[in-house]
């Protein structure tokens, strides 16, 4: 099992919309995530910062996440969620959700 965390800013004027979208995530998006061996996935919000955590149980994270990016339902989902978000200042060029470094884990 691999753990991944990342961060992005939530545009304040889009908070209600983002919350509503995630209260009823589209079934096709959930299916694409599960197909890609992603589970125990959570998104947290604090002071305008979204923090995501997920666990990956597959063998090829790059290929599985590429499959998510090719999924038409997920791509459509991103057209409604992406306008709610803004990369953090430290994100690399072209990076949307910026990876967070794990500095502690209690097993």
PDB file of N, CA and C in Angstrom:
ATOM      1  N   UNK A   1       0.844  -1.184   0.000  1.00  0.00           N
ATOM      2  CA  UNK A   1       0.000   0.000   0.000  1.00  0.00           C
ATOM      3  C   UNK A   1       0.883   1.239   0.000  1.00  0.00           C
ATOM      4  N   UNK A   2       0.627   2.141  -0.919  1.00  0.00           N
ATOM      5  CA  UNK A   2       1.328   3.427  -0.946  1.00  0.00           C
ATOM      6  C   UNK A   2       0.339   4.516  -0.547  1.00  0.00           C
ATOM      7  N   UNK A   3       0.827   5.500   0.188  1.00  0.00           N
ATOM      8  CA  UNK A   3       0.013   6.632   0.617  1.00  0.00           C
ATOM      9  C   UNK A   3       0.447   7.877  -0.152  1.00  0.00           C
ATOM     10  N   UNK A   4      -0.523   8.661  -0.577  1.00  0.00           N
ATOM     11  CA  UNK A   4      -0.234   9.905  -1.293  1.00  0.00           C
ATOM     12  C   UNK A   4      -1.063  11.028  -0.688  1.00  0.00           C
ATOM     13  N   UNK A   5      -0.464  12.190  -0.565  1.00  0.00           N
ATOM     14  CA  UNK A   5      -1.166  13.374  -0.087  1.00  0.00           C
ATOM     15  C   UNK A   5      -0.798  14.543  -0.993  1.00  0.00           C
ATOM     16  N   UNK A   6      -1.725  15.463  -1.146  1.00  0.00           N
ATOM     17  CA  UNK A   6      -1.451  16.640  -1.963  1.00  0.00           C
ATOM     18  C   UNK A   6      -2.337  17.792  -1.489  1.00  0.00           C
ATOM     19  N   UNK A   7      -1.964  18.993  -1.926  1.00  0.00           N
ATOM     20  CA  UNK A   7      -2.682  20.198  -1.506  1.00  0.00           C
ATOM     21  C   UNK A   7      -2.971  21.104  -2.695  1.00  0.00           C
ATOM     22  N   UNK A   8      -4.020  21.891  -2.542  1.00  0.00           N
ATOM     23  CA  UNK A   8      -4.388  22.912  -3.524  1.00  0.00           C
ATOM     24  C   UNK A   8      -5.263  23.932  -2.801  1.00  0.00           C
ATOM     25  N   UNK A   9      -5.344  25.126  -3.299  1.00  0.00           N
ATOM     26  CA  UNK A   9      -6.211  26.149  -2.697  1.00  0.00           C
ATOM     27  C   UNK A   9      -7.625  26.021  -3.250  1.00  0.00           C
ATOM     28  N   UNK A  10      -8.588  26.327  -2.398  1.00  0.00           N
ATOM     29  CA  UNK A  10      -9.983  26.407  -2.804  1.00  0.00           C
ATOM     30  C   UNK A  10     -10.330  27.882  -2.963  1.00  0.00           C
ATOM     31  N   UNK A  11     -10.856  28.237  -4.109  1.00  0.00           N
ATOM     32  CA  UNK A  11     -11.262  29.630  -4.317  1.00  0.00           C
ATOM     33  C   UNK A  11     -12.438  29.920  -3.370  1.00  0.00           C
ATOM     34  N   UNK A  12     -12.310  30.957  -2.527  1.00  0.00           N
ATOM     35  CA  UNK A  12     -13.336  31.207  -1.497  1.00  0.00           C
ATOM     36  C   UNK A  12     -14.743  31.349  -2.058  1.00  0.00           C
ATOM     37  N   UNK A  13     -14.870  31.968  -3.208  1.00  0.00           N
ATOM     38  CA  UNK A  13     -16.196  32.178  -3.789  1.00  0.00           C
ATOM     39  C   UNK A  13     -16.793  30.883  -4.356  1.00  0.00           C
ATOM     40  N   UNK A  14     -15.999  29.818  -4.414  1.00  0.00           N
ATOM     41  CA  UNK A  14     -16.453  28.536  -4.956  1.00  0.00           C
ATOM     42  C   UNK A  14     -16.652  27.465  -3.879  1.00  0.00           C
ATOM     43  N   UNK A  15     -16.489  27.830  -2.599  1.00  0.00           N
ATOM     44  CA  UNK A  15     -16.554  26.825  -1.543  1.00  0.00           C
ATOM     45  C   UNK A  15     -17.892  26.096  -1.516  1.00  0.00           C
ATOM     46  N   UNK A  16     -19.000  26.813  -1.570  1.00  0.00           N
ATOM     47  CA  UNK A  16     -20.313  26.159  -1.512  1.00  0.00           C
ATOM     48  C   UNK A  16     -20.496  25.204  -2.690  1.00  0.00           C
ATOM     49  N   UNK A  17     -20.090  25.617  -3.865  1.00  0.00           N
ATOM     50  CA  UNK A  17     -20.197  24.768  -5.055  1.00  0.00           C
ATOM     51  C   UNK A  17     -19.334  23.510  -4.909  1.00  0.00           C
ATOM     52  N   UNK A  18     -18.114  23.683  -4.430  1.00  0.00           N
ATOM     53  CA  UNK A  18     -17.200  22.553  -4.265  1.00  0.00           C
ATOM     54  C   UNK A  18     -17.748  21.560  -3.239  1.00  0.00           C
ATOM     55  N   UNK A  19     -18.267  22.074  -2.149  1.00  0.00           N
ATOM     56  CA  UNK A  19     -18.862  21.202  -1.130  1.00  0.00           C
ATOM     57  C   UNK A  19     -20.049  20.431  -1.712  1.00  0.00           C
ATOM     58  N   UNK A  20     -20.896  21.107  -2.464  1.00  0.00           N
ATOM     59  CA  UNK A  20     -22.071  20.458  -3.057  1.00  0.00           C
ATOM     60  C   UNK A  20     -21.650  19.362  -4.042  1.00  0.00           C
ATOM     61  N   UNK A  21     -20.657  19.640  -4.856  1.00  0.00           N
ATOM     62  CA  UNK A  21     -20.173  18.633  -5.803  1.00  0.00           C
ATOM     63  C   UNK A  21     -19.666  17.391  -5.071  1.00  0.00           C
ATOM     64  N   UNK A  22     -18.936  17.594  -4.001  1.00  0.00           N
ATOM     65  CA  UNK A  22     -18.343  16.466  -3.294  1.00  0.00           C
ATOM     66  C   UNK A  22     -19.321  15.783  -2.337  1.00  0.00           C
ATOM     67  N   UNK A  23     -20.455  16.392  -2.108  1.00  0.00           N
ATOM     68  CA  UNK A  23     -21.501  15.723  -1.336  1.00  0.00           C
ATOM     69  C   UNK A  23     -22.169  14.628  -2.170  1.00  0.00           C
ATOM     70  N   UNK A  24     -22.052  14.757  -3.493  1.00  0.00           N
ATOM     71  CA  UNK A  24     -22.634  13.776  -4.414  1.00  0.00           C
ATOM     72  C   UNK A  24     -21.690  13.562  -5.588  1.00  0.00           C
ATOM     73  N   UNK A  25     -20.538  12.969  -5.320  1.00  0.00           N
ATOM     74  CA  UNK A  25     -19.562  12.698  -6.385  1.00  0.00           C
ATOM     75  C   UNK A  25     -20.202  11.750  -7.389  1.00  0.00           C
ATOM     76  N   UNK A  26     -19.976  12.040  -8.662  1.00  0.00           N
ATOM     77  CA  UNK A  26     -20.572  11.237  -9.720  1.00  0.00           C
ATOM     78  C   UNK A  26     -20.113   9.775  -9.624  1.00  0.00           C
ATOM     79  N   UNK A  27     -21.026   8.836  -9.781  1.00  0.00           N
ATOM     80  CA  UNK A  27     -20.663   7.416  -9.694  1.00  0.00           C
ATOM     81  C   UNK A  27     -19.544   7.009 -10.661  1.00  0.00           C
ATOM     82  N   UNK A  28     -19.517   7.571 -11.845  1.00  0.00           N
ATOM     83  CA  UNK A  28     -18.466   7.233 -12.809  1.00  0.00           C
ATOM     84  C   UNK A  28     -17.082   7.647 -12.337  1.00  0.00           C
ATOM     85  N   UNK A  29     -17.005   8.747 -11.625  1.00  0.00           N
ATOM     86  CA  UNK A  29     -15.731   9.213 -11.070  1.00  0.00           C
ATOM     87  C   UNK A  29     -15.266   8.243  -9.985  1.00  0.00           C
ATOM     88  N   UNK A  30     -16.184   7.849  -9.125  1.00  0.00           N
ATOM     89  CA  UNK A  30     -15.842   6.893  -8.065  1.00  0.00           C
ATOM     90  C   UNK A  30     -15.391   5.560  -8.668  1.00  0.00           C
ATOM     91  N   UNK A  31     -16.067   5.118  -9.720  1.00  0.00           N
ATOM     92  CA  UNK A  31     -15.700   3.861 -10.373  1.00  0.00           C
ATOM     93  C   UNK A  31     -14.306   3.946 -10.982  1.00  0.00           C
ATOM     94  N   UNK A  32     -13.970   5.081 -11.600  1.00  0.00           N
ATOM     95  CA  UNK A  32     -12.636   5.249 -12.195  1.00  0.00           C
ATOM     96  C   UNK A  32     -11.560   5.201 -11.118  1.00  0.00           C
ATOM     97  N   UNK A  33     -11.816   5.806  -9.979  1.00  0.00           N
ATOM     98  CA  UNK A  33     -10.847   5.777  -8.880  1.00  0.00           C
ATOM     99  C   UNK A  33     -10.635   4.349  -8.377  1.00  0.00           C
ATOM    100  N   UNK A  34     -11.723   3.638  -8.185  1.00  0.00           N
ATOM    101  CA  UNK A  34     -11.617   2.261  -7.700  1.00  0.00           C
ATOM    102  C   UNK A  34     -10.920   1.372  -8.722  1.00  0.00           C
ATOM    103  N   UNK A  35     -11.230   1.553  -9.995  1.00  0.00           N
ATOM    104  CA  UNK A  35     -10.581   0.783 -11.058  1.00  0.00           C
ATOM    105  C   UNK A  35      -9.071   1.012 -11.051  1.00  0.00           C
ATOM    106  N   UNK A  36      -8.661   2.214 -10.636  1.00  0.00           N
ATOM    107  CA  UNK A  36      -7.243   2.581 -10.591  1.00  0.00           C
ATOM    108  C   UNK A  36      -6.586   2.190  -9.265  1.00  0.00           C
ATOM    109  N   UNK A  37      -7.253   1.356  -8.480  1.00  0.00           N
ATOM    110  CA  UNK A  37      -6.691   0.837  -7.222  1.00  0.00           C
ATOM    111  C   UNK A  37      -6.514   1.924  -6.161  1.00  0.00           C
ATOM    112  N   UNK A  38      -7.384   2.932  -6.191  1.00  0.00           N
ATOM    113  CA  UNK A  38      -7.333   4.006  -5.204  1.00  0.00           C
ATOM    114  C   UNK A  38      -8.452   3.801  -4.196  1.00  0.00           C
ATOM    115  N   UNK A  39      -8.097   3.864  -2.930  1.00  0.00           N
ATOM    116  CA  UNK A  39      -9.069   3.700  -1.868  1.00  0.00           C
ATOM    117  C   UNK A  39      -8.728   4.590  -0.687  1.00  0.00           C
ATOM    118  N   UNK A  40      -9.578   4.550   0.299  1.00  0.00           N
ATOM    119  CA  UNK A  40      -9.382   5.359   1.500  1.00  0.00           C
ATOM    120  C   UNK A  40      -9.000   6.798   1.126  1.00  0.00           C
ATOM    121  N   UNK A  41      -9.774   7.358   0.209  1.00  0.00           N
ATOM    122  CA  UNK A  41      -9.492   8.681  -0.362  1.00  0.00           C
ATOM    123  C   UNK A  41     -10.333   9.722   0.373  1.00  0.00           C
ATOM    124  N   UNK A  42      -9.683  10.735   0.894  1.00  0.00           N
ATOM    125  CA  UNK A  42     -10.364  11.819   1.603  1.00  0.00           C
ATOM    126  C   UNK A  42      -9.818  13.156   1.133  1.00  0.00           C
ATOM    127  N   UNK A  43     -10.679  14.163   1.165  1.00  0.00           N
ATOM    128  CA  UNK A  43     -10.262  15.546   0.935  1.00  0.00           C
ATOM    129  C   UNK A  43     -10.725  16.344   2.150  1.00  0.00           C
ATOM    130  N   UNK A  44      -9.796  17.070   2.742  1.00  0.00           N
ATOM    131  CA  UNK A  44     -10.074  17.890   3.918  1.00  0.00           C
ATOM    132  C   UNK A  44      -9.942  19.364   3.533  1.00  0.00           C
ATOM    133  N   UNK A  45     -10.635  20.238   4.252  1.00  0.00           N
ATOM    134  CA  UNK A  45     -10.570  21.681   4.003  1.00  0.00           C
ATOM    135  C   UNK A  45     -10.264  22.406   5.303  1.00  0.00           C
ATOM    136  N   UNK A  46      -9.297  23.308   5.226  1.00  0.00           N
ATOM    137  CA  UNK A  46      -8.960  24.164   6.371  1.00  0.00           C
ATOM    138  C   UNK A  46      -8.418  25.487   5.844  1.00  0.00           C
ATOM    139  N   UNK A  47      -9.042  26.577   6.240  1.00  0.00           N
ATOM    140  CA  UNK A  47      -8.559  27.920   5.899  1.00  0.00           C
ATOM    141  C   UNK A  47      -8.258  28.080   4.412  1.00  0.00           C
ATOM    142  N   UNK A  48      -9.152  27.569   3.584  1.00  0.00           N
ATOM    143  CA  UNK A  48      -8.998  27.725   2.143  1.00  0.00           C
ATOM    144  C   UNK A  48      -8.023  26.760   1.484  1.00  0.00           C
ATOM    145  N   UNK A  49      -7.482  25.829   2.241  1.00  0.00           N
ATOM    146  CA  UNK A  49      -6.527  24.856   1.709  1.00  0.00           C
ATOM    147  C   UNK A  49      -7.181  23.477   1.690  1.00  0.00           C
ATOM    148  N   UNK A  50      -7.203  22.850   0.517  1.00  0.00           N
ATOM    149  CA  UNK A  50      -7.692  21.485   0.392  1.00  0.00           C
ATOM    150  C   UNK A  50      -6.511  20.535   0.530  1.00  0.00           C
ATOM    151  N   UNK A  51      -6.684  19.516   1.348  1.00  0.00           N
ATOM    152  CA  UNK A  51      -5.660  18.505   1.576  1.00  0.00           C
ATOM    153  C   UNK A  51      -6.265  17.159   1.208  1.00  0.00           C
ATOM    154  N   UNK A  52      -5.644  16.459   0.266  1.00  0.00           N
ATOM    155  CA  UNK A  52      -6.167  15.148  -0.106  1.00  0.00           C
ATOM    156  C   UNK A  52      -5.226  14.054   0.362  1.00  0.00           C
ATOM    157  N   UNK A  53      -5.822  12.923   0.724  1.00  0.00           N
ATOM    158  CA  UNK A  53      -5.072  11.747   1.148  1.00  0.00           C
ATOM    159  C   UNK A  53      -5.706  10.539   0.476  1.00  0.00           C
ATOM    160  N   UNK A  54      -4.869   9.662  -0.077  1.00  0.00           N
ATOM    161  CA  UNK A  54      -5.381   8.440  -0.674  1.00  0.00           C
ATOM    162  C   UNK A  54      -4.389   7.313  -0.487  1.00  0.00           C
ATOM    163  N   UNK A  55      -4.901   6.112  -0.608  1.00  0.00           N
ATOM    164  CA  UNK A  55      -4.061   4.926  -0.554  1.00  0.00           C
ATOM    165  C   UNK A  55      -4.165   4.212  -1.886  1.00  0.00           C
ATOM    166  N   UNK A  56      -3.022   3.786  -2.394  1.00  0.00           N
ATOM    167  CA  UNK A  56      -2.931   3.125  -3.695  1.00  0.00           C
ATOM    168  C   UNK A  56      -2.461   1.691  -3.492  1.00  0.00           C
ATOM    169  N   UNK A  57      -3.219   0.746  -4.044  1.00  0.00           N
ATOM    170  CA  UNK A  57      -2.889  -0.668  -3.847  1.00  0.00           C
ATOM    171  C   UNK A  57      -2.467  -1.376  -5.131  1.00  0.00           C
ATOM    172  N   UNK A  58      -2.282  -0.648  -6.218  1.00  0.00           N
ATOM    173  CA  UNK A  58      -1.897  -1.269  -7.481  1.00  0.00           C
ATOM    174  C   UNK A  58      -0.394  -1.408  -7.626  1.00  0.00           C
ATOM    175  N   UNK A  59       0.015  -1.750  -8.853  1.00  0.00           N
ATOM    176  CA  UNK A  59       1.434  -1.979  -9.150  1.00  0.00           C
ATOM    177  C   UNK A  59       2.059  -0.897 -10.020  1.00  0.00           C
ATOM    178  N   UNK A  60       1.242  -0.053 -10.649  1.00  0.00           N
ATOM    179  CA  UNK A  60       1.768   0.954 -11.565  1.00  0.00           C
ATOM    180  C   UNK A  60       0.955   2.243 -11.416  1.00  0.00           C
ATOM    181  N   UNK A  61       1.351   3.057 -10.447  1.00  0.00           N
ATOM    182  CA  UNK A  61       0.619   4.288 -10.130  1.00  0.00           C
ATOM    183  C   UNK A  61       0.526   5.216 -11.344  1.00  0.00           C
ATOM    184  N   UNK A  62       1.619   5.358 -12.067  1.00  0.00           N
ATOM    185  CA  UNK A  62       1.617   6.253 -13.230  1.00  0.00           C
ATOM    186  C   UNK A  62       0.590   5.795 -14.272  1.00  0.00           C
ATOM    187  N   UNK A  63       0.572   4.513 -14.562  1.00  0.00           N
ATOM    188  CA  UNK A  63      -0.378   3.992 -15.553  1.00  0.00           C
ATOM    189  C   UNK A  63      -1.811   4.101 -15.053  1.00  0.00           C
ATOM    190  N   UNK A  64      -2.019   3.788 -13.785  1.00  0.00           N
ATOM    191  CA  UNK A  64      -3.376   3.854 -13.244  1.00  0.00           C
ATOM    192  C   UNK A  64      -3.902   5.282 -13.194  1.00  0.00           C
ATOM    193  N   UNK A  65      -3.066   6.235 -12.819  1.00  0.00           N
ATOM    194  CA  UNK A  65      -3.531   7.626 -12.789  1.00  0.00           C
ATOM    195  C   UNK A  65      -3.693   8.177 -14.211  1.00  0.00           C
ATOM    196  N   UNK A  66      -2.901   7.687 -15.151  1.00  0.00           N
ATOM    197  CA  UNK A  66      -3.102   8.071 -16.557  1.00  0.00           C
ATOM    198  C   UNK A  66      -4.455   7.562 -17.038  1.00  0.00           C
ATOM    199  N   UNK A  67      -4.843   6.380 -16.582  1.00  0.00           N
ATOM    200  CA  UNK A  67      -6.153   5.846 -16.934  1.00  0.00           C
ATOM    201  C   UNK A  67      -7.278   6.711 -16.401  1.00  0.00           C
ATOM    202  N   UNK A  68      -7.105   7.229 -15.195  1.00  0.00           N
ATOM    203  CA  UNK A  68      -8.099   8.149 -14.643  1.00  0.00           C
ATOM    204  C   UNK A  68      -8.194   9.392 -15.524  1.00  0.00           C
ATOM    205  N   UNK A  69      -7.054   9.914 -15.920  1.00  0.00           N
ATOM    206  CA  UNK A  69      -7.026  11.135 -16.740  1.00  0.00           C
ATOM    207  C   UNK A  69      -7.645  10.921 -18.122  1.00  0.00           C
ATOM    208  N   UNK A  70      -7.684   9.682 -18.585  1.00  0.00           N
ATOM    209  CA  UNK A  70      -8.279   9.378 -19.894  1.00  0.00           C
ATOM    210  C   UNK A  70      -9.773   9.087 -19.789  1.00  0.00           C
ATOM    211  N   UNK A  71     -10.273   8.881 -18.594  1.00  0.00           N
ATOM    212  CA  UNK A  71     -11.676   8.540 -18.395  1.00  0.00           C
ATOM    213  C   UNK A  71     -12.564   9.743 -18.733  1.00  0.00           C
ATOM    214  N   UNK A  72     -13.506   9.603 -19.666  1.00  0.00           N
ATOM    215  CA  UNK A  72     -14.323  10.752 -20.082  1.00  0.00           C
ATOM    216  C   UNK A  72     -15.185  11.349 -18.966  1.00  0.00           C
ATOM    217  N   UNK A  73     -15.709  10.516 -18.086  1.00  0.00           N
ATOM    218  CA  UNK A  73     -16.542  11.040 -16.995  1.00  0.00           C
ATOM    219  C   UNK A  73     -15.685  11.853 -16.032  1.00  0.00           C
ATOM    220  N   UNK A  74     -14.491  11.351 -15.715  1.00  0.00           N
ATOM    221  CA  UNK A  74     -13.591  12.081 -14.827  1.00  0.00           C
ATOM    222  C   UNK A  74     -13.154  13.392 -15.465  1.00  0.00           C
ATOM    223  N   UNK A  75     -12.881  13.368 -16.747  1.00  0.00           N
ATOM    224  CA  UNK A  75     -12.488  14.603 -17.440  1.00  0.00           C
ATOM    225  C   UNK A  75     -13.606  15.647 -17.368  1.00  0.00           C
ATOM    226  N   UNK A  76     -14.837  15.200 -17.513  1.00  0.00           N
ATOM    227  CA  UNK A  76     -15.968  16.123 -17.397  1.00  0.00           C
ATOM    228  C   UNK A  76     -16.093  16.642 -15.962  1.00  0.00           C
ATOM    229  N   UNK A  77     -15.874  15.761 -14.982  1.00  0.00           N
ATOM    230  CA  UNK A  77     -15.896  16.144 -13.562  1.00  0.00           C
ATOM    231  C   UNK A  77     -14.886  17.253 -13.311  1.00  0.00           C
ATOM    232  N   UNK A  78     -13.712  17.113 -13.880  1.00  0.00           N
ATOM    233  CA  UNK A  78     -12.669  18.129 -13.691  1.00  0.00           C
ATOM    234  C   UNK A  78     -13.071  19.474 -14.289  1.00  0.00           C
ATOM    235  N   UNK A  79     -13.918  19.471 -15.321  1.00  0.00           N
ATOM    236  CA  UNK A  79     -14.344  20.760 -15.892  1.00  0.00           C
ATOM    237  C   UNK A  79     -15.212  21.541 -14.914  1.00  0.00           C
ATOM    238  N   UNK A  80     -15.850  20.847 -13.963  1.00  0.00           N
ATOM    239  CA  UNK A  80     -16.661  21.557 -12.969  1.00  0.00           C
ATOM    240  C   UNK A  80     -15.913  21.775 -11.653  1.00  0.00           C
ATOM    241  N   UNK A  81     -14.938  20.911 -11.347  1.00  0.00           N
ATOM    242  CA  UNK A  81     -14.203  21.091 -10.087  1.00  0.00           C
ATOM    243  C   UNK A  81     -12.974  21.982 -10.232  1.00  0.00           C
ATOM    244  N   UNK A  82     -12.298  21.913 -11.362  1.00  0.00           N
ATOM    245  CA  UNK A  82     -11.070  22.702 -11.533  1.00  0.00           C
ATOM    246  C   UNK A  82     -11.274  24.207 -11.350  1.00  0.00           C
ATOM    247  N   UNK A  83     -12.365  24.798 -11.831  1.00  0.00           N
ATOM    248  CA  UNK A  83     -12.549  26.238 -11.610  1.00  0.00           C
ATOM    249  C   UNK A  83     -12.682  26.619 -10.132  1.00  0.00           C
ATOM    250  N   UNK A  84     -12.922  25.651  -9.279  1.00  0.00           N
ATOM    251  CA  UNK A  84     -13.036  25.905  -7.840  1.00  0.00           C
ATOM    252  C   UNK A  84     -11.665  25.961  -7.165  1.00  0.00           C
ATOM    253  N   UNK A  85     -10.645  25.510  -7.866  1.00  0.00           N
ATOM    254  CA  UNK A  85      -9.326  25.327  -7.271  1.00  0.00           C
ATOM    255  C   UNK A  85      -8.283  26.275  -7.857  1.00  0.00           C
ATOM    256  N   UNK A  86      -7.217  26.437  -7.088  1.00  0.00           N
ATOM    257  CA  UNK A  86      -6.081  27.253  -7.521  1.00  0.00           C
ATOM    258  C   UNK A  86      -4.818  26.633  -6.929  1.00  0.00           C
ATOM    259  N   UNK A  87      -3.827  26.310  -7.764  1.00  0.00           N
ATOM    260  CA  UNK A  87      -2.604  25.694  -7.230  1.00  0.00           C
ATOM    261  C   UNK A  87      -1.948  26.568  -6.156  1.00  0.00           C
ATOM    262  N   UNK A  88      -1.297  25.909  -5.206  1.00  0.00           N
ATOM    263  CA  UNK A  88      -0.548  26.637  -4.180  1.00  0.00           C
ATOM    264  C   UNK A  88       0.661  27.305  -4.834  1.00  0.00           C
ATOM    265  N   UNK A  89       1.169  28.316  -4.168  1.00  0.00           N
ATOM    266  CA  UNK A  89       2.273  29.102  -4.721  1.00  0.00           C
ATOM    267  C   UNK A  89       3.516  28.261  -5.002  1.00  0.00           C
ATOM    268  N   UNK A  90       3.735  27.219  -4.220  1.00  0.00           N
ATOM    269  CA  UNK A  90       4.936  26.397  -4.385  1.00  0.00           C
ATOM    270  C   UNK A  90       4.769  25.273  -5.399  1.00  0.00           C
ATOM    271  N   UNK A  91       3.625  25.183  -6.052  1.00  0.00           N
ATOM    272  CA  UNK A  91       3.418  24.131  -7.055  1.00  0.00           C
ATOM    273  C   UNK A  91       4.392  24.320  -8.216  1.00  0.00           C
ATOM    274  N   UNK A  92       4.857  23.216  -8.755  1.00  0.00           N
ATOM    275  CA  UNK A  92       5.753  23.261  -9.917  1.00  0.00           C
ATOM    276  C   UNK A  92       4.972  23.712 -11.145  1.00  0.00           C
ATOM    277  N   UNK A  93       5.678  24.169 -12.146  1.00  0.00           N
ATOM    278  CA  UNK A  93       5.063  24.601 -13.396  1.00  0.00           C
ATOM    279  C   UNK A  93       4.180  23.476 -13.952  1.00  0.00           C
ATOM    280  N   UNK A  94       2.914  23.781 -14.219  1.00  0.00           N
ATOM    281  CA  UNK A  94       1.988  22.810 -14.764  1.00  0.00           C
ATOM    282  C   UNK A  94       1.382  21.852 -13.741  1.00  0.00           C
ATOM    283  N   UNK A  95       1.767  21.967 -12.490  1.00  0.00           N
ATOM    284  CA  UNK A  95       1.267  21.085 -11.441  1.00  0.00           C
ATOM    285  C   UNK A  95      -0.039  21.645 -10.887  1.00  0.00           C
ATOM    286  N   UNK A  96      -1.030  20.814 -10.726  1.00  0.00           N
ATOM    287  CA  UNK A  96      -2.309  21.260 -10.182  1.00  0.00           C
ATOM    288  C   UNK A  96      -2.314  20.988  -8.684  1.00  0.00           C
ATOM    289  N   UNK A  97      -2.671  19.780  -8.262  1.00  0.00           N
ATOM    290  CA  UNK A  97      -2.544  19.395  -6.853  1.00  0.00           C
ATOM    291  C   UNK A  97      -1.063  19.163  -6.590  1.00  0.00           C
ATOM    292  N   UNK A  98      -0.490  19.856  -5.637  1.00  0.00           N
ATOM    293  CA  UNK A  98       0.938  19.721  -5.332  1.00  0.00           C
ATOM    294  C   UNK A  98       1.145  18.599  -4.313  1.00  0.00           C
ATOM    295  N   UNK A  99       2.073  17.690  -4.597  1.00  0.00           N
ATOM    296  CA  UNK A  99       2.318  16.602  -3.649  1.00  0.00           C
ATOM    297  C   UNK A  99       2.835  17.124  -2.313  1.00  0.00           C
ATOM    298  N   UNK A 100       2.412  16.452  -1.254  1.00  0.00           N
ATOM    299  CA  UNK A 100       2.878  16.773   0.094  1.00  0.00           C
ATOM    300  C   UNK A 100       3.814  15.655   0.545  1.00  0.00           C
ATOM    301  N   UNK A 101       4.864  16.033   1.214  1.00  0.00           N
ATOM    302  CA  UNK A 101       5.853  15.063   1.695  1.00  0.00           C
ATOM    303  C   UNK A 101       5.405  14.480   3.031  1.00  0.00           C
ATOM    304  N   UNK A 102       5.471  13.170   3.133  1.00  0.00           N
ATOM    305  CA  UNK A 102       5.158  12.519   4.398  1.00  0.00           C
ATOM    306  C   UNK A 102       6.348  12.659   5.331  1.00  0.00           C
ATOM    307  N   UNK A 103       6.124  13.218   6.502  1.00  0.00           N
ATOM    308  CA  UNK A 103       7.199  13.390   7.466  1.00  0.00           C
ATOM    309  C   UNK A 103       7.003  12.520   8.710  1.00  0.00           C
ATOM    310  N   UNK A 104       5.824  11.891   8.811  1.00  0.00           N
ATOM    311  CA  UNK A 104       5.575  10.984   9.941  1.00  0.00           C
ATOM    312  C   UNK A 104       4.451  10.045   9.567  1.00  0.00           C
ATOM    313  N   UNK A 105       4.567   8.799  10.021  1.00  0.00           N
ATOM    314  CA  UNK A 105       3.494   7.822   9.836  1.00  0.00           C
ATOM    315  C   UNK A 105       3.505   6.854  11.002  1.00  0.00           C
ATOM    316  N   UNK A 106       2.388   6.687  11.654  1.00  0.00           N
ATOM    317  CA  UNK A 106       2.233   5.702  12.716  1.00  0.00           C
ATOM    318  C   UNK A 106       1.554   4.496  12.111  1.00  0.00           C
ATOM    319  N   UNK A 107       2.223   3.378  12.140  1.00  0.00           N
ATOM    320  CA  UNK A 107       1.679   2.154  11.543  1.00  0.00           C
ATOM    321  C   UNK A 107       1.025   1.304  12.612  1.00  0.00           C
TER     322      UNK A 107
END
